[in-house]
mmCIF file of all heavy atoms, coordinates in Angstrom:
data_MODEL
# 
_entry.id   MODEL 
# 
loop_
_atom_site.group_PDB 
_atom_site.id 
_atom_site.type_symbol 
_atom_site.label_atom_id 
_atom_site.label_alt_id 
_atom_site.label_comp_id 
_atom_site.label_asym_id 
_atom_site.label_entity_id 
_atom_site.label_seq_id 
_atom_site.pdbx_PDB_ins_code 
_atom_site.Cartn_x 
_atom_site.Cartn_y 
_atom_site.Cartn_z 
_atom_site.occupancy 
_atom_site.B_iso_or_equiv 
_atom_site.pdbx_formal_charge 
_atom_site.auth_seq_id 
_atom_site.auth_comp_id 
_atom_site.auth_asym_id 
_atom_site.auth_atom_id 
_atom_site.pdbx_PDB_model_num 
ATOM 1   N N   . ALA A 1 1  ? -72.241 -139.499 -107.571 1.00 0.00 ? 1  ALA A N   1 
ATOM 2   C CA  . ALA A 1 1  ? -71.215 -140.540 -107.544 1.00 0.00 ? 1  ALA A CA  1 
ATOM 3   C C   . ALA A 1 1  ? -70.859 -140.926 -108.973 1.00 0.00 ? 1  ALA A C   1 
ATOM 4   O O   . ALA A 1 1  ? -71.742 -141.117 -109.806 1.00 0.00 ? 1  ALA A O   1 
ATOM 5   C CB  . ALA A 1 1  ? -71.722 -141.759 -106.781 1.00 0.00 ? 1  ALA A CB  1 
ATOM 6   N N   . VAL A 1 2  ? -69.552 -141.044 -109.225 1.00 0.00 ? 2  VAL A N   1 
ATOM 7   C CA  . VAL A 1 2  ? -69.057 -141.427 -110.544 1.00 0.00 ? 2  VAL A CA  1 
ATOM 8   C C   . VAL A 1 2  ? -68.294 -142.740 -110.392 1.00 0.00 ? 2  VAL A C   1 
ATOM 9   O O   . VAL A 1 2  ? -67.398 -142.851 -109.559 1.00 0.00 ? 2  VAL A O   1 
ATOM 10  C CB  . VAL A 1 2  ? -68.117 -140.342 -111.126 1.00 0.00 ? 2  VAL A CB  1 
ATOM 11  C CG1 . VAL A 1 2  ? -67.570 -140.770 -112.480 1.00 0.00 ? 2  VAL A CG1 1 
ATOM 12  C CG2 . VAL A 1 2  ? -68.842 -139.004 -111.231 1.00 0.00 ? 2  VAL A CG2 1 
ATOM 13  N N   . ALA A 1 3  ? -68.654 -143.742 -111.192 1.00 0.00 ? 3  ALA A N   1 
ATOM 14  C CA  . ALA A 1 3  ? -67.978 -145.041 -111.158 1.00 0.00 ? 3  ALA A CA  1 
ATOM 15  C C   . ALA A 1 3  ? -67.233 -145.257 -112.468 1.00 0.00 ? 3  ALA A C   1 
ATOM 16  O O   . ALA A 1 3  ? -67.764 -145.016 -113.549 1.00 0.00 ? 3  ALA A O   1 
ATOM 17  C CB  . ALA A 1 3  ? -68.994 -146.165 -110.951 1.00 0.00 ? 3  ALA A CB  1 
ATOM 18  N N   . PHE A 1 4  ? -65.977 -145.715 -112.325 1.00 0.00 ? 4  PHE A N   1 
ATOM 19  C CA  . PHE A 1 4  ? -65.137 -146.006 -113.478 1.00 0.00 ? 4  PHE A CA  1 
ATOM 20  C C   . PHE A 1 4  ? -65.084 -147.511 -113.705 1.00 0.00 ? 4  PHE A C   1 
ATOM 21  O O   . PHE A 1 4  ? -65.269 -148.293 -112.766 1.00 0.00 ? 4  PHE A O   1 
ATOM 22  C CB  . PHE A 1 4  ? -63.724 -145.451 -113.252 1.00 0.00 ? 4  PHE A CB  1 
ATOM 23  C CG  . PHE A 1 4  ? -63.680 -143.951 -113.222 1.00 0.00 ? 4  PHE A CG  1 
ATOM 24  C CD1 . PHE A 1 4  ? -63.903 -143.250 -112.044 1.00 0.00 ? 4  PHE A CD1 1 
ATOM 25  C CD2 . PHE A 1 4  ? -63.429 -143.229 -114.370 1.00 0.00 ? 4  PHE A CD2 1 
ATOM 26  C CE1 . PHE A 1 4  ? -63.878 -141.866 -112.012 1.00 0.00 ? 4  PHE A CE1 1 
ATOM 27  C CE2 . PHE A 1 4  ? -63.395 -141.845 -114.356 1.00 0.00 ? 4  PHE A CE2 1 
ATOM 28  C CZ  . PHE A 1 4  ? -63.626 -141.163 -113.172 1.00 0.00 ? 4  PHE A CZ  1 
ATOM 29  N N   . PRO A 1 5  ? -64.803 -147.964 -114.933 1.00 0.00 ? 5  PRO A N   1 
ATOM 30  C CA  . PRO A 1 5  ? -64.762 -149.395 -115.231 1.00 0.00 ? 5  PRO A CA  1 
ATOM 31  C C   . PRO A 1 5  ? -63.760 -150.181 -114.378 1.00 0.00 ? 5  PRO A C   1 
ATOM 32  O O   . PRO A 1 5  ? -63.964 -151.367 -114.119 1.00 0.00 ? 5  PRO A O   1 
ATOM 33  C CB  . PRO A 1 5  ? -64.369 -149.450 -116.712 1.00 0.00 ? 5  PRO A CB  1 
ATOM 34  C CG  . PRO A 1 5  ? -64.785 -148.138 -117.269 1.00 0.00 ? 5  PRO A CG  1 
ATOM 35  C CD  . PRO A 1 5  ? -64.606 -147.152 -116.141 1.00 0.00 ? 5  PRO A CD  1 
ATOM 36  N N   . ASN A 1 6  ? -62.686 -149.540 -113.906 1.00 0.00 ? 6  ASN A N   1 
ATOM 37  C CA  . ASN A 1 6  ? -61.671 -150.242 -113.114 1.00 0.00 ? 6  ASN A CA  1 
ATOM 38  C C   . ASN A 1 6  ? -62.056 -150.351 -111.640 1.00 0.00 ? 6  ASN A C   1 
ATOM 39  O O   . ASN A 1 6  ? -61.285 -150.847 -110.825 1.00 0.00 ? 6  ASN A O   1 
ATOM 40  C CB  . ASN A 1 6  ? -60.315 -149.542 -113.238 1.00 0.00 ? 6  ASN A CB  1 
ATOM 41  C CG  . ASN A 1 6  ? -60.318 -148.145 -112.653 1.00 0.00 ? 6  ASN A CG  1 
ATOM 42  O OD1 . ASN A 1 6  ? -61.331 -147.667 -112.146 1.00 0.00 ? 6  ASN A OD1 1 
ATOM 43  N ND2 . ASN A 1 6  ? -59.183 -147.476 -112.733 1.00 0.00 ? 6  ASN A ND2 1 
ATOM 44  N N   . GLY A 1 7  ? -63.251 -149.883 -111.277 1.00 0.00 ? 7  GLY A N   1 
ATOM 45  C CA  . GLY A 1 7  ? -63.721 -149.974 -109.903 1.00 0.00 ? 7  GLY A CA  1 
ATOM 46  C C   . GLY A 1 7  ? -63.524 -148.711 -109.081 1.00 0.00 ? 7  GLY A C   1 
ATOM 47  O O   . GLY A 1 7  ? -64.037 -148.607 -107.977 1.00 0.00 ? 7  GLY A O   1 
ATOM 48  N N   . ASP A 1 8  ? -62.742 -147.748 -109.593 1.00 0.00 ? 8  ASP A N   1 
ATOM 49  C CA  . ASP A 1 8  ? -62.553 -146.487 -108.873 1.00 0.00 ? 8  ASP A CA  1 
ATOM 50  C C   . ASP A 1 8  ? -63.878 -145.752 -108.762 1.00 0.00 ? 8  ASP A C   1 
ATOM 51  O O   . ASP A 1 8  ? -64.722 -145.813 -109.660 1.00 0.00 ? 8  ASP A O   1 
ATOM 52  C CB  . ASP A 1 8  ? -61.540 -145.589 -109.582 1.00 0.00 ? 8  ASP A CB  1 
ATOM 53  C CG  . ASP A 1 8  ? -60.104 -146.061 -109.411 1.00 0.00 ? 8  ASP A CG  1 
ATOM 54  O OD1 . ASP A 1 8  ? -59.868 -146.974 -108.586 1.00 0.00 ? 8  ASP A OD1 1 
ATOM 55  O OD2 . ASP A 1 8  ? -59.227 -145.514 -110.100 1.00 0.00 ? 8  ASP A OD2 1 
ATOM 56  N N   . GLN A 1 9  ? -64.041 -145.051 -107.649 1.00 0.00 ? 9  GLN A N   1 
ATOM 57  C CA  . GLN A 1 9  ? -65.223 -144.232 -107.401 1.00 0.00 ? 9  GLN A CA  1 
ATOM 58  C C   . GLN A 1 9  ? -64.774 -142.803 -107.145 1.00 0.00 ? 9  GLN A C   1 
ATOM 59  O O   . GLN A 1 9  ? -63.782 -142.574 -106.451 1.00 0.00 ? 9  GLN A O   1 
ATOM 60  C CB  . GLN A 1 9  ? -65.979 -144.738 -106.167 1.00 0.00 ? 9  GLN A CB  1 
ATOM 61  C CG  . GLN A 1 9  ? -66.528 -146.137 -106.298 1.00 0.00 ? 9  GLN A CG  1 
ATOM 62  C CD  . GLN A 1 9  ? -67.851 -146.156 -107.036 1.00 0.00 ? 9  GLN A CD  1 
ATOM 63  O OE1 . GLN A 1 9  ? -68.653 -145.237 -106.922 1.00 0.00 ? 9  GLN A OE1 1 
ATOM 64  N NE2 . GLN A 1 9  ? -68.088 -147.200 -107.796 1.00 0.00 ? 9  GLN A NE2 1 
ATOM 65  N N   . GLU A 1 10 ? -65.487 -141.840 -107.686 1.00 0.00 ? 10 GLU A N   1 
ATOM 66  C CA  . GLU A 1 10 ? -65.215 -140.432 -107.434 1.00 0.00 ? 10 GLU A CA  1 
ATOM 67  C C   . GLU A 1 10 ? -66.532 -139.707 -107.208 1.00 0.00 ? 10 GLU A C   1 
ATOM 68  O O   . GLU A 1 10 ? -67.592 -140.221 -107.557 1.00 0.00 ? 10 GLU A O   1 
ATOM 69  C CB  . GLU A 1 10 ? -64.438 -139.797 -108.595 1.00 0.00 ? 10 GLU A CB  1 
ATOM 70  C CG  . GLU A 1 10 ? -63.063 -140.408 -108.781 1.00 0.00 ? 10 GLU A CG  1 
ATOM 71  C CD  . GLU A 1 10 ? -62.163 -139.620 -109.714 1.00 0.00 ? 10 GLU A CD  1 
ATOM 72  O OE1 . GLU A 1 10 ? -62.426 -138.426 -109.957 1.00 0.00 ? 10 GLU A OE1 1 
ATOM 73  O OE2 . GLU A 1 10 ? -61.178 -140.212 -110.187 1.00 0.00 ? 10 GLU A OE2 1 
ATOM 74  N N   . GLU A 1 11 ? -66.431 -138.539 -106.600 1.00 0.00 ? 11 GLU A N   1 
ATOM 75  C CA  . GLU A 1 11 ? -67.589 -137.672 -106.390 1.00 0.00 ? 11 GLU A CA  1 
ATOM 76  C C   . GLU A 1 11 ? -67.417 -136.431 -107.244 1.00 0.00 ? 11 GLU A C   1 
ATOM 77  O O   . GLU A 1 11 ? -66.363 -135.789 -107.205 1.00 0.00 ? 11 GLU A O   1 
ATOM 78  C CB  . GLU A 1 11 ? -67.701 -137.254 -104.920 1.00 0.00 ? 11 GLU A CB  1 
ATOM 79  C CG  . GLU A 1 11 ? -68.073 -138.379 -103.971 1.00 0.00 ? 11 GLU A CG  1 
ATOM 80  C CD  . GLU A 1 11 ? -69.517 -138.808 -104.084 1.00 0.00 ? 11 GLU A CD  1 
ATOM 81  O OE1 . GLU A 1 11 ? -70.395 -137.954 -104.313 1.00 0.00 ? 11 GLU A OE1 1 
ATOM 82  O OE2 . GLU A 1 11 ? -69.764 -140.021 -103.957 1.00 0.00 ? 11 GLU A OE2 1 
ATOM 83  N N   . VAL A 1 12 ? -68.427 -136.102 -108.015 1.00 0.00 ? 12 VAL A N   1 
ATOM 84  C CA  . VAL A 1 12 ? -68.420 -134.870 -108.779 1.00 0.00 ? 12 VAL A CA  1 
ATOM 85  C C   . VAL A 1 12 ? -69.322 -133.884 -108.039 1.00 0.00 ? 12 VAL A C   1 
ATOM 86  O O   . VAL A 1 12 ? -70.413 -134.241 -107.611 1.00 0.00 ? 12 VAL A O   1 
ATOM 87  C CB  . VAL A 1 12 ? -68.863 -135.086 -110.247 1.00 0.00 ? 12 VAL A CB  1 
ATOM 88  C CG1 . VAL A 1 12 ? -70.286 -135.572 -110.352 1.00 0.00 ? 12 VAL A CG1 1 
ATOM 89  C CG2 . VAL A 1 12 ? -68.683 -133.828 -111.072 1.00 0.00 ? 12 VAL A CG2 1 
ATOM 90  N N   . THR A 1 13 ? -68.807 -132.670 -107.828 1.00 0.00 ? 13 THR A N   1 
ATOM 91  C CA  . THR A 1 13 ? -69.581 -131.631 -107.164 1.00 0.00 ? 13 THR A CA  1 
ATOM 92  C C   . THR A 1 13 ? -70.164 -130.712 -108.220 1.00 0.00 ? 13 THR A C   1 
ATOM 93  O O   . THR A 1 13 ? -69.458 -130.244 -109.108 1.00 0.00 ? 13 THR A O   1 
ATOM 94  C CB  . THR A 1 13 ? -68.705 -130.816 -106.188 1.00 0.00 ? 13 THR A CB  1 
ATOM 95  O OG1 . THR A 1 13 ? -68.137 -131.715 -105.233 1.00 0.00 ? 13 THR A OG1 1 
ATOM 96  C CG2 . THR A 1 13 ? -69.519 -129.760 -105.469 1.00 0.00 ? 13 THR A CG2 1 
ATOM 97  N N   . LEU A 1 14 ? -71.458 -130.466 -108.105 1.00 0.00 ? 14 LEU A N   1 
ATOM 98  C CA  . LEU A 1 14 ? -72.180 -129.620 -109.046 1.00 0.00 ? 14 LEU A CA  1 
ATOM 99  C C   . LEU A 1 14 ? -72.744 -128.417 -108.315 1.00 0.00 ? 14 LEU A C   1 
ATOM 100 O O   . LEU A 1 14 ? -73.153 -128.530 -107.159 1.00 0.00 ? 14 LEU A O   1 
ATOM 101 C CB  . LEU A 1 14 ? -73.323 -130.410 -109.686 1.00 0.00 ? 14 LEU A CB  1 
ATOM 102 C CG  . LEU A 1 14 ? -72.864 -131.671 -110.403 1.00 0.00 ? 14 LEU A CG  1 
ATOM 103 C CD1 . LEU A 1 14 ? -73.972 -132.676 -110.464 1.00 0.00 ? 14 LEU A CD1 1 
ATOM 104 C CD2 . LEU A 1 14 ? -72.378 -131.324 -111.774 1.00 0.00 ? 14 LEU A CD2 1 
ATOM 105 N N   . LYS A 1 15 ? -72.776 -127.281 -108.984 1.00 0.00 ? 15 LYS A N   1 
ATOM 106 C CA  . LYS A 1 15 ? -73.351 -126.066 -108.407 1.00 0.00 ? 15 LYS A CA  1 
ATOM 107 C C   . LYS A 1 15 ? -74.532 -125.629 -109.255 1.00 0.00 ? 15 LYS A C   1 
ATOM 108 O O   . LYS A 1 15 ? -74.425 -125.541 -110.487 1.00 0.00 ? 15 LYS A O   1 
ATOM 109 C CB  . LYS A 1 15 ? -72.312 -124.948 -108.354 1.00 0.00 ? 15 LYS A CB  1 
ATOM 110 C CG  . LYS A 1 15 ? -72.851 -123.683 -107.722 1.00 0.00 ? 15 LYS A CG  1 
ATOM 111 C CD  . LYS A 1 15 ? -71.769 -122.641 -107.574 1.00 0.00 ? 15 LYS A CD  1 
ATOM 112 C CE  . LYS A 1 15 ? -72.331 -121.405 -106.872 1.00 0.00 ? 15 LYS A CE  1 
ATOM 113 N NZ  . LYS A 1 15 ? -71.287 -120.404 -106.670 1.00 0.00 ? 15 LYS A NZ  1 
ATOM 114 N N   . ILE A 1 16 ? -75.641 -125.354 -108.589 1.00 0.00 ? 16 ILE A N   1 
ATOM 115 C CA  . ILE A 1 16 ? -76.830 -124.837 -109.263 1.00 0.00 ? 16 ILE A CA  1 
ATOM 116 C C   . ILE A 1 16 ? -76.638 -123.336 -109.397 1.00 0.00 ? 16 ILE A C   1 
ATOM 117 O O   . ILE A 1 16 ? -76.532 -122.618 -108.406 1.00 0.00 ? 16 ILE A O   1 
ATOM 118 C CB  . ILE A 1 16 ? -78.105 -125.167 -108.468 1.00 0.00 ? 16 ILE A CB  1 
ATOM 119 C CG1 . ILE A 1 16 ? -78.232 -126.686 -108.291 1.00 0.00 ? 16 ILE A CG1 1 
ATOM 120 C CG2 . ILE A 1 16 ? -79.336 -124.594 -109.171 1.00 0.00 ? 16 ILE A CG2 1 
ATOM 121 C CD1 . ILE A 1 16 ? -79.325 -127.117 -107.341 1.00 0.00 ? 16 ILE A CD1 1 
ATOM 122 N N   . ARG A 1 17 ? -76.557 -122.870 -110.628 1.00 0.00 ? 17 ARG A N   1 
ATOM 123 C CA  . ARG A 1 17 ? -76.207 -121.471 -110.872 1.00 0.00 ? 17 ARG A CA  1 
ATOM 124 C C   . ARG A 1 17 ? -77.384 -120.515 -110.763 1.00 0.00 ? 17 ARG A C   1 
ATOM 125 O O   . ARG A 1 17 ? -77.198 -119.345 -110.444 1.00 0.00 ? 17 ARG A O   1 
ATOM 126 C CB  . ARG A 1 17 ? -75.537 -121.321 -112.230 1.00 0.00 ? 17 ARG A CB  1 
ATOM 127 C CG  . ARG A 1 17 ? -74.202 -122.082 -112.287 1.00 0.00 ? 17 ARG A CG  1 
ATOM 128 C CD  . ARG A 1 17 ? -73.451 -121.862 -113.556 1.00 0.00 ? 17 ARG A CD  1 
ATOM 129 N NE  . ARG A 1 17 ? -74.255 -122.261 -114.703 1.00 0.00 ? 17 ARG A NE  1 
ATOM 130 C CZ  . ARG A 1 17 ? -74.160 -121.736 -115.911 1.00 0.00 ? 17 ARG A CZ  1 
ATOM 131 N NH1 . ARG A 1 17 ? -73.297 -120.783 -116.145 1.00 0.00 ? 17 ARG A NH1 1 
ATOM 132 N NH2 . ARG A 1 17 ? -74.903 -122.167 -116.901 1.00 0.00 ? 17 ARG A NH2 1 
ATOM 133 N N   . ASN A 1 18 ? -78.601 -121.006 -111.063 1.00 0.00 ? 18 ASN A N   1 
ATOM 134 C CA  . ASN A 1 18 ? -79.751 -120.107 -111.030 1.00 0.00 ? 18 ASN A CA  1 
ATOM 135 C C   . ASN A 1 18 ? -81.046 -120.906 -110.909 1.00 0.00 ? 18 ASN A C   1 
ATOM 136 O O   . ASN A 1 18 ? -81.029 -122.139 -110.896 1.00 0.00 ? 18 ASN A O   1 
ATOM 137 C CB  . ASN A 1 18 ? -79.767 -119.215 -112.279 1.00 0.00 ? 18 ASN A CB  1 
ATOM 138 C CG  . ASN A 1 18 ? -79.726 -120.025 -113.557 1.00 0.00 ? 18 ASN A CG  1 
ATOM 139 O OD1 . ASN A 1 18 ? -80.372 -121.058 -113.680 1.00 0.00 ? 18 ASN A OD1 1 
ATOM 140 N ND2 . ASN A 1 18 ? -78.953 -119.560 -114.529 1.00 0.00 ? 18 ASN A ND2 1 
ATOM 141 N N   . SER A 1 19 ? -82.164 -120.205 -110.847 1.00 0.00 ? 19 SER A N   1 
ATOM 142 C CA  . SER A 1 19 ? -83.466 -120.860 -110.677 1.00 0.00 ? 19 SER A CA  1 
ATOM 143 C C   . SER A 1 19 ? -83.928 -121.601 -111.929 1.00 0.00 ? 19 SER A C   1 
ATOM 144 O O   . SER A 1 19 ? -84.922 -122.317 -111.885 1.00 0.00 ? 19 SER A O   1 
ATOM 145 C CB  . SER A 1 19 ? -84.518 -119.837 -110.257 1.00 0.00 ? 19 SER A CB  1 
ATOM 146 O OG  . SER A 1 19 ? -84.652 -118.837 -111.251 1.00 0.00 ? 19 SER A OG  1 
ATOM 147 N N   . ASP A 1 20 ? -83.204 -121.436 -113.040 1.00 0.00 ? 20 ASP A N   1 
ATOM 148 C CA  . ASP A 1 20 ? -83.519 -122.178 -114.271 1.00 0.00 ? 20 ASP A CA  1 
ATOM 149 C C   . ASP A 1 20 ? -82.858 -123.552 -114.287 1.00 0.00 ? 20 ASP A C   1 
ATOM 150 O O   . ASP A 1 20 ? -82.925 -124.261 -115.282 1.00 0.00 ? 20 ASP A O   1 
ATOM 151 C CB  . ASP A 1 20 ? -83.070 -121.392 -115.503 1.00 0.00 ? 20 ASP A CB  1 
ATOM 152 C CG  . ASP A 1 20 ? -83.883 -120.130 -115.704 1.00 0.00 ? 20 ASP A CG  1 
ATOM 153 O OD1 . ASP A 1 20 ? -85.067 -120.103 -115.324 1.00 0.00 ? 20 ASP A OD1 1 
ATOM 154 O OD2 . ASP A 1 20 ? -83.322 -119.157 -116.246 1.00 0.00 ? 20 ASP A OD2 1 
ATOM 155 N N   . ALA A 1 21 ? -82.182 -123.921 -113.199 1.00 0.00 ? 21 ALA A N   1 
ATOM 156 C CA  . ALA A 1 21 ? -81.506 -125.214 -113.041 1.00 0.00 ? 21 ALA A CA  1 
ATOM 157 C C   . ALA A 1 21 ? -80.273 -125.348 -113.929 1.00 0.00 ? 21 ALA A C   1 
ATOM 158 O O   . ALA A 1 21 ? -79.914 -126.447 -114.323 1.00 0.00 ? 21 ALA A O   1 
ATOM 159 C CB  . ALA A 1 21 ? -82.463 -126.383 -113.266 1.00 0.00 ? 21 ALA A CB  1 
ATOM 160 N N   . ASP A 1 22 ? -79.630 -124.225 -114.243 1.00 0.00 ? 22 ASP A N   1 
ATOM 161 C CA  . ASP A 1 22 ? -78.346 -124.290 -114.937 1.00 0.00 ? 22 ASP A CA  1 
ATOM 162 C C   . ASP A 1 22 ? -77.315 -124.770 -113.929 1.00 0.00 ? 22 ASP A C   1 
ATOM 163 O O   . ASP A 1 22 ? -77.219 -124.227 -112.822 1.00 0.00 ? 22 ASP A O   1 
ATOM 164 C CB  . ASP A 1 22 ? -77.943 -122.923 -115.493 1.00 0.00 ? 22 ASP A CB  1 
ATOM 165 C CG  . ASP A 1 22 ? -78.848 -122.458 -116.620 1.00 0.00 ? 22 ASP A CG  1 
ATOM 166 O OD1 . ASP A 1 22 ? -79.386 -123.321 -117.341 1.00 0.00 ? 22 ASP A OD1 1 
ATOM 167 O OD2 . ASP A 1 22 ? -79.013 -121.240 -116.770 1.00 0.00 ? 22 ASP A OD2 1 
ATOM 168 N N   . ILE A 1 23 ? -76.548 -125.791 -114.300 1.00 0.00 ? 23 ILE A N   1 
ATOM 169 C CA  . ILE A 1 23 ? -75.617 -126.437 -113.375 1.00 0.00 ? 23 ILE A CA  1 
ATOM 170 C C   . ILE A 1 23 ? -74.229 -126.480 -113.989 1.00 0.00 ? 23 ILE A C   1 
ATOM 171 O O   . ILE A 1 23 ? -74.079 -126.691 -115.188 1.00 0.00 ? 23 ILE A O   1 
ATOM 172 C CB  . ILE A 1 23 ? -76.086 -127.875 -113.071 1.00 0.00 ? 23 ILE A CB  1 
ATOM 173 C CG1 . ILE A 1 23 ? -77.450 -127.843 -112.410 1.00 0.00 ? 23 ILE A CG1 1 
ATOM 174 C CG2 . ILE A 1 23 ? -75.087 -128.617 -112.200 1.00 0.00 ? 23 ILE A CG2 1 
ATOM 175 C CD1 . ILE A 1 23 ? -78.073 -129.191 -112.242 1.00 0.00 ? 23 ILE A CD1 1 
ATOM 176 N N   . SER A 1 24 ? -73.223 -126.309 -113.142 1.00 0.00 ? 24 SER A N   1 
ATOM 177 C CA  . SER A 1 24 ? -71.826 -126.413 -113.569 1.00 0.00 ? 24 SER A CA  1 
ATOM 178 C C   . SER A 1 24 ? -71.102 -127.410 -112.682 1.00 0.00 ? 24 SER A C   1 
ATOM 179 O O   . SER A 1 24 ? -71.372 -127.490 -111.483 1.00 0.00 ? 24 SER A O   1 
ATOM 180 C CB  . SER A 1 24 ? -71.113 -125.065 -113.457 1.00 0.00 ? 24 SER A CB  1 
ATOM 181 O OG  . SER A 1 24 ? -71.673 -124.126 -114.328 1.00 0.00 ? 24 SER A OG  1 
ATOM 182 N N   . ILE A 1 25 ? -70.160 -128.158 -113.274 1.00 0.00 ? 25 ILE A N   1 
ATOM 183 C CA  . ILE A 1 25 ? -69.275 -129.020 -112.495 1.00 0.00 ? 25 ILE A CA  1 
ATOM 184 C C   . ILE A 1 25 ? -68.228 -128.122 -111.856 1.00 0.00 ? 25 ILE A C   1 
ATOM 185 O O   . ILE A 1 25 ? -67.573 -127.344 -112.547 1.00 0.00 ? 25 ILE A O   1 
ATOM 186 C CB  . ILE A 1 25 ? -68.597 -130.088 -113.378 1.00 0.00 ? 25 ILE A CB  1 
ATOM 187 C CG1 . ILE A 1 25 ? -69.629 -131.092 -113.878 1.00 0.00 ? 25 ILE A CG1 1 
ATOM 188 C CG2 . ILE A 1 25 ? -67.490 -130.804 -112.598 1.00 0.00 ? 25 ILE A CG2 1 
ATOM 189 C CD1 . ILE A 1 25 ? -69.074 -132.148 -114.819 1.00 0.00 ? 25 ILE A CD1 1 
ATOM 190 N N   . VAL A 1 26 ? -68.085 -128.226 -110.532 1.00 0.00 ? 26 VAL A N   1 
ATOM 191 C CA  . VAL A 1 26 ? -67.099 -127.395 -109.838 1.00 0.00 ? 26 VAL A CA  1 
ATOM 192 C C   . VAL A 1 26 ? -65.988 -128.222 -109.202 1.00 0.00 ? 26 VAL A C   1 
ATOM 193 O O   . VAL A 1 26 ? -65.021 -127.665 -108.695 1.00 0.00 ? 26 VAL A O   1 
ATOM 194 C CB  . VAL A 1 26 ? -67.757 -126.487 -108.772 1.00 0.00 ? 26 VAL A CB  1 
ATOM 195 C CG1 . VAL A 1 26 ? -68.667 -125.474 -109.451 1.00 0.00 ? 26 VAL A CG1 1 
ATOM 196 C CG2 . VAL A 1 26 ? -68.521 -127.282 -107.734 1.00 0.00 ? 26 VAL A CG2 1 
ATOM 197 N N   . GLY A 1 27 ? -66.100 -129.543 -109.240 1.00 0.00 ? 27 GLY A N   1 
ATOM 198 C CA  . GLY A 1 27 ? -65.042 -130.362 -108.672 1.00 0.00 ? 27 GLY A CA  1 
ATOM 199 C C   . GLY A 1 27 ? -65.249 -131.851 -108.908 1.00 0.00 ? 27 GLY A C   1 
ATOM 200 O O   . GLY A 1 27 ? -66.368 -132.292 -109.121 1.00 0.00 ? 27 GLY A O   1 
# 
């Protein structure tokens, strides 16, 4: 969950790329 100072809320989707816990934002 991502919260902005103006009260807006968004969801960031993350993908685990490998067993080393490398992660990328996908949305």
